[in-house]
Every structure is written in structure tokens, then in C-alpha cells.
Amino acid sequence: MKLILAAGLLAGLAGPALAGACSTEISALEPRLTEKGRETIAASSGGKEVASRREAQAEAATEKGTSPSALPKGPAPGSAETQATADVAKASGGGTGVMEARASLNRARELDKKGDEAGCMKAVSDAREQMDKS
């Protein structure tokens, strides 16, 4: 009887330990992703009009593979506006990298709850890649 109870206890403890690996990865990535989101917001701040203009310029420059000041009606080279626009492009990747990473991290949480360790780790890996490209 004691042997059965001991085996049951060990099995019960082993399950959470195995599922914990992905939970640990999620917990480690969450603060980095939150900080990346804050950087994106900070780089885009300055009012809706300014933020909208900076984001549009950053996306256009990224698509053309050039600097924001090289665009028609772009900010003057070396100006604070050029630096702010470059910061938006760097921090946000147009804003999609952080959002995609957040979605992948949420998917990882769901897979972790279902006990799909491999799927969870893949979703965490996807979130890292998306966050790093932004």
C-alpha cells in the first residue's frame, strides 16, 4: 500500500516538473516582451499625429531599405525627428513584431495548459524570433 502511495506521489510530482520547463520559458520571456512593447510605445509617443507620421515614415523607410530622411518630405538628416523615426522603426518593426510575439506567447500558454510541451516550446521559440526581428 505504501509503495502504491509513493508511486502515485512521484507520478504526481513528475507531471508538473515536466510541464514546468515551458512555463519557465514563458515566464522568462514575458518581461522582455513587455519591455519591448514599452520601447515601442515610448518611441511612438509625442501625440497621435506625430506618432502616426513617425510610424508611416518608419514603415516606408523599412520597405525601401533606406533611412527616413531619404524619403520625400522626410525629416531633415540628423534631426531629432529623424532619430525618433529611426527609433520607431528599430523598436517596433512597424509594431507588428511585438504583437506577433505576444500572440505566440499566448499560444504557448494555451499549449502548456494542454500539456503539449513540444508545441509550447515551438510557440515560445516563435515568440523569441518575432520579438528579436522587431
C-alpha atoms as a PDB file:
ATOM      1  CA  MET A   1       0.000   0.000   0.000  1.00  0.00           C
ATOM      2  CA  LYS A   2       2.804   2.401   0.905  1.00  0.00           C
ATOM      3  CA  LEU A   3       4.534   1.546  -2.359  1.00  0.00           C
ATOM      4  CA  ILE A   4       1.419   2.439  -4.355  1.00  0.00           C
ATOM      5  CA  LEU A   5       1.056   5.755  -2.492  1.00  0.00           C
ATOM      6  CA  ALA A   6       4.735   6.555  -3.029  1.00  0.00           C
ATOM      7  CA  ALA A   7       4.480   5.754  -6.744  1.00  0.00           C
ATOM      8  CA  GLY A   8       1.370   7.919  -7.044  1.00  0.00           C
ATOM      9  CA  LEU A   9       3.091  10.776  -5.248  1.00  0.00           C
ATOM     10  CA  LEU A  10       6.148  10.551  -7.511  1.00  0.00           C
ATOM     11  CA  ALA A  11       3.990  10.434 -10.635  1.00  0.00           C
ATOM     12  CA  GLY A  12       2.044  13.455  -9.412  1.00  0.00           C
ATOM     13  CA  LEU A  13       5.229  15.402  -8.786  1.00  0.00           C
ATOM     14  CA  ALA A  14       6.850  14.400 -12.074  1.00  0.00           C
ATOM     15  CA  GLY A  15       3.963  15.739 -14.182  1.00  0.00           C
ATOM     16  CA  PRO A  16       4.257  19.376 -13.055  1.00  0.00           C
ATOM     17  CA  ALA A  17       8.061  19.182 -13.199  1.00  0.00           C
ATOM     18  CA  LEU A  18       7.941  18.152 -16.832  1.00  0.00           C
ATOM     19  CA  ALA A  19       5.309  20.730 -17.748  1.00  0.00           C
ATOM     20  CA  GLY A  20       7.284  23.384 -15.883  1.00  0.00           C
ATOM     21  CA  ALA A  21      10.037  23.705 -18.495  1.00  0.00           C
ATOM     22  CA  CYS A  22       7.850  25.579 -20.939  1.00  0.00           C
ATOM     23  CA  SER A  23       6.193  27.573 -18.155  1.00  0.00           C
ATOM     24  CA  THR A  24       9.650  28.684 -17.083  1.00  0.00           C
ATOM     25  CA  GLU A  25      10.472  29.780 -20.639  1.00  0.00           C
ATOM     26  CA  ILE A  26       7.201  31.718 -20.869  1.00  0.00           C
ATOM     27  CA  SER A  27       7.885  33.416 -17.528  1.00  0.00           C
ATOM     28  CA  ALA A  28      11.397  34.377 -18.632  1.00  0.00           C
ATOM     29  CA  LEU A  29      10.247  35.818 -21.956  1.00  0.00           C
ATOM     30  CA  GLU A  30       7.240  37.760 -20.628  1.00  0.00           C
ATOM     31  CA  PRO A  31       9.173  40.649 -19.009  1.00  0.00           C
ATOM     32  CA  ARG A  32      11.392  41.058 -22.080  1.00  0.00           C
ATOM     33  CA  LEU A  33       8.339  41.226 -24.312  1.00  0.00           C
ATOM     34  CA  THR A  34       6.657  43.726 -22.007  1.00  0.00           C
ATOM     35  CA  GLU A  35       9.773  45.931 -22.078  1.00  0.00           C
ATOM     36  CA  LYS A  36       9.928  45.698 -25.868  1.00  0.00           C
ATOM     37  CA  GLY A  37       6.305  46.849 -26.004  1.00  0.00           C
ATOM     38  CA  ARG A  38       7.122  49.793 -23.737  1.00  0.00           C
ATOM     39  CA  GLU A  39      10.018  50.764 -26.004  1.00  0.00           C
ATOM     40  CA  THR A  40       7.676  50.720 -28.971  1.00  0.00           C
ATOM     41  CA  ILE A  41       5.141  52.911 -27.203  1.00  0.00           C
ATOM     42  CA  ALA A  42       7.815  55.327 -25.977  1.00  0.00           C
ATOM     43  CA  ALA A  43       9.317  55.635 -29.445  1.00  0.00           C
ATOM     44  CA  SER A  44       5.890  56.317 -30.909  1.00  0.00           C
ATOM     45  CA  SER A  45       4.865  58.893 -28.318  1.00  0.00           C
ATOM     46  CA  GLY A  46       4.520  62.583 -28.975  1.00  0.00           C
ATOM     47  CA  GLY A  47       0.860  62.815 -29.859  1.00  0.00           C
ATOM     48  CA  LYS A  48      -1.259  60.874 -32.297  1.00  0.00           C
ATOM     49  CA  GLU A  49      -0.315  62.973 -35.321  1.00  0.00           C
ATOM     50  CA  VAL A  50       3.422  62.782 -34.648  1.00  0.00           C
ATOM     51  CA  ALA A  51       3.258  59.077 -33.785  1.00  0.00           C
ATOM     52  CA  SER A  52       1.270  58.331 -36.912  1.00  0.00           C
ATOM     53  CA  ARG A  53       3.713  60.263 -39.102  1.00  0.00           C
ATOM     54  CA  ARG A  54       6.749  58.601 -37.498  1.00  0.00           C
ATOM     55  CA  GLU A  55       5.280  55.126 -37.891  1.00  0.00           C
ATOM     56  CA  ALA A  56       4.341  55.756 -41.513  1.00  0.00           C
ATOM     57  CA  GLN A  57       7.825  57.071 -42.269  1.00  0.00           C
ATOM     58  CA  ALA A  58       9.434  54.162 -40.437  1.00  0.00           C
ATOM     59  CA  GLU A  59       7.392  51.623 -42.394  1.00  0.00           C
ATOM     60  CA  ALA A  60       8.103  53.343 -45.714  1.00  0.00           C
ATOM     61  CA  ALA A  61      11.827  53.535 -44.967  1.00  0.00           C
ATOM     62  CA  THR A  62      11.909  49.885 -43.878  1.00  0.00           C
ATOM     63  CA  GLU A  63      10.089  48.775 -47.035  1.00  0.00           C
ATOM     64  CA  LYS A  64      12.530  50.733 -49.235  1.00  0.00           C
ATOM     65  CA  GLY A  65      15.582  49.728 -47.222  1.00  0.00           C
ATOM     66  CA  THR A  66      16.596  53.346 -46.663  1.00  0.00           C
ATOM     67  CA  SER A  67      16.688  55.917 -43.890  1.00  0.00           C
ATOM     68  CA  PRO A  68      13.623  58.042 -43.083  1.00  0.00           C
ATOM     69  CA  SER A  69      15.461  61.255 -44.080  1.00  0.00           C
ATOM     70  CA  ALA A  70      15.963  59.890 -47.614  1.00  0.00           C
ATOM     71  CA  LEU A  71      12.196  59.783 -48.192  1.00  0.00           C
ATOM     72  CA  PRO A  72      10.380  62.634 -49.946  1.00  0.00           C
ATOM     73  CA  LYS A  73       9.131  65.038 -47.263  1.00  0.00           C
ATOM     74  CA  GLY A  74      11.084  63.033 -44.704  1.00  0.00           C
ATOM     75  CA  PRO A  75      12.651  64.663 -41.682  1.00  0.00           C
ATOM     76  CA  ALA A  76      15.929  66.528 -42.101  1.00  0.00           C
ATOM     77  CA  PRO A  77      19.026  64.322 -41.792  1.00  0.00           C
ATOM     78  CA  GLY A  78      20.414  64.338 -38.251  1.00  0.00           C
ATOM     79  CA  SER A  79      17.318  65.996 -36.783  1.00  0.00           C
ATOM     80  CA  ALA A  80      15.552  64.845 -33.648  1.00  0.00           C
ATOM     81  CA  GLU A  81      12.605  63.823 -35.852  1.00  0.00           C
ATOM     82  CA  THR A  82      14.890  61.583 -37.944  1.00  0.00           C
ATOM     83  CA  GLN A  83      16.244  59.951 -34.792  1.00  0.00           C
ATOM     84  CA  ALA A  84      12.745  59.484 -33.369  1.00  0.00           C
ATOM     85  CA  THR A  85      11.524  57.944 -36.625  1.00  0.00           C
ATOM     86  CA  ALA A  86      14.545  55.622 -36.744  1.00  0.00           C
ATOM     87  CA  ASP A  87      13.818  54.647 -33.119  1.00  0.00           C
ATOM     88  CA  VAL A  88      10.253  53.726 -34.076  1.00  0.00           C
ATOM     89  CA  ALA A  89      11.494  51.590 -36.962  1.00  0.00           C
ATOM     90  CA  LYS A  90      14.034  49.863 -34.723  1.00  0.00           C
ATOM     91  CA  ALA A  91      11.820  49.413 -31.678  1.00  0.00           C
ATOM     92  CA  SER A  92       8.622  48.383 -33.335  1.00  0.00           C
ATOM     93  CA  GLY A  93       9.342  46.941 -36.747  1.00  0.00           C
ATOM     94  CA  GLY A  94       6.163  48.762 -37.684  1.00  0.00           C
ATOM     95  CA  GLY A  95       4.593  47.473 -34.467  1.00  0.00           C
ATOM     96  CA  THR A  96       3.884  44.004 -35.784  1.00  0.00           C
ATOM     97  CA  GLY A  97       6.820  42.119 -34.238  1.00  0.00           C
ATOM     98  CA  VAL A  98       5.714  42.767 -30.663  1.00  0.00           C
ATOM     99  CA  MET A  99       2.090  41.914 -31.454  1.00  0.00           C
ATOM    100  CA  GLU A 100       3.072  38.701 -33.233  1.00  0.00           C
ATOM    101  CA  ALA A 101       5.363  37.733 -30.359  1.00  0.00           C
ATOM    102  CA  ARG A 102       2.577  38.395 -27.840  1.00  0.00           C
ATOM    103  CA  ALA A 103       0.200  36.181 -29.864  1.00  0.00           C
ATOM    104  CA  SER A 104       2.789  33.385 -29.999  1.00  0.00           C
ATOM    105  CA  LEU A 105       3.372  33.647 -26.255  1.00  0.00           C
ATOM    106  CA  ASN A 106      -0.379  33.392 -25.636  1.00  0.00           C
ATOM    107  CA  ARG A 107      -0.470  30.327 -27.897  1.00  0.00           C
ATOM    108  CA  ALA A 108       2.406  28.858 -25.856  1.00  0.00           C
ATOM    109  CA  ARG A 109       0.406  29.342 -22.644  1.00  0.00           C
ATOM    110  CA  GLU A 110      -2.578  27.508 -24.108  1.00  0.00           C
ATOM    111  CA  LEU A 111      -0.400  24.631 -25.320  1.00  0.00           C
ATOM    112  CA  ASP A 112       1.305  24.485 -21.922  1.00  0.00           C
ATOM    113  CA  LYS A 113      -2.093  24.187 -20.212  1.00  0.00           C
ATOM    114  CA  LYS A 114      -2.956  21.306 -22.560  1.00  0.00           C
ATOM    115  CA  GLY A 115       0.328  19.564 -21.743  1.00  0.00           C
ATOM    116  CA  ASP A 116       1.741  19.918 -25.280  1.00  0.00           C
ATOM    117  CA  GLU A 117       5.368  20.539 -24.306  1.00  0.00           C
ATOM    118  CA  ALA A 118       6.776  20.371 -27.848  1.00  0.00           C
ATOM    119  CA  GLY A 119       4.112  22.699 -29.222  1.00  0.00           C
ATOM    120  CA  CYS A 120       4.587  25.067 -26.309  1.00  0.00           C
ATOM    121  CA  MET A 121       8.359  25.248 -26.793  1.00  0.00           C
ATOM    122  CA  LYS A 122       7.873  25.856 -30.533  1.00  0.00           C
ATOM    123  CA  ALA A 123       5.477  28.726 -29.807  1.00  0.00           C
ATOM    124  CA  VAL A 124       7.976  30.220 -27.316  1.00  0.00           C
ATOM    125  CA  SER A 125      10.708  29.923 -29.947  1.00  0.00           C
ATOM    126  CA  ASP A 126       8.438  31.668 -32.470  1.00  0.00           C
ATOM    127  CA  ALA A 127       7.766  34.447 -29.954  1.00  0.00           C
ATOM    128  CA  ARG A 128      11.516  34.962 -29.432  1.00  0.00           C
ATOM    129  CA  GLU A 129      12.149  35.178 -33.169  1.00  0.00           C
ATOM    130  CA  GLN A 130       9.297  37.633 -33.701  1.00  0.00           C
ATOM    131  CA  MET A 131      10.434  39.769 -30.797  1.00  0.00           C
ATOM    132  CA  ASP A 132      14.065  39.753 -31.971  1.00  0.00           C
ATOM    133  CA  LYS A 133      13.147  40.812 -35.504  1.00  0.00           C
ATOM    134  CA  SER A 134      11.210  43.809 -34.229  1.00  0.00           C
END
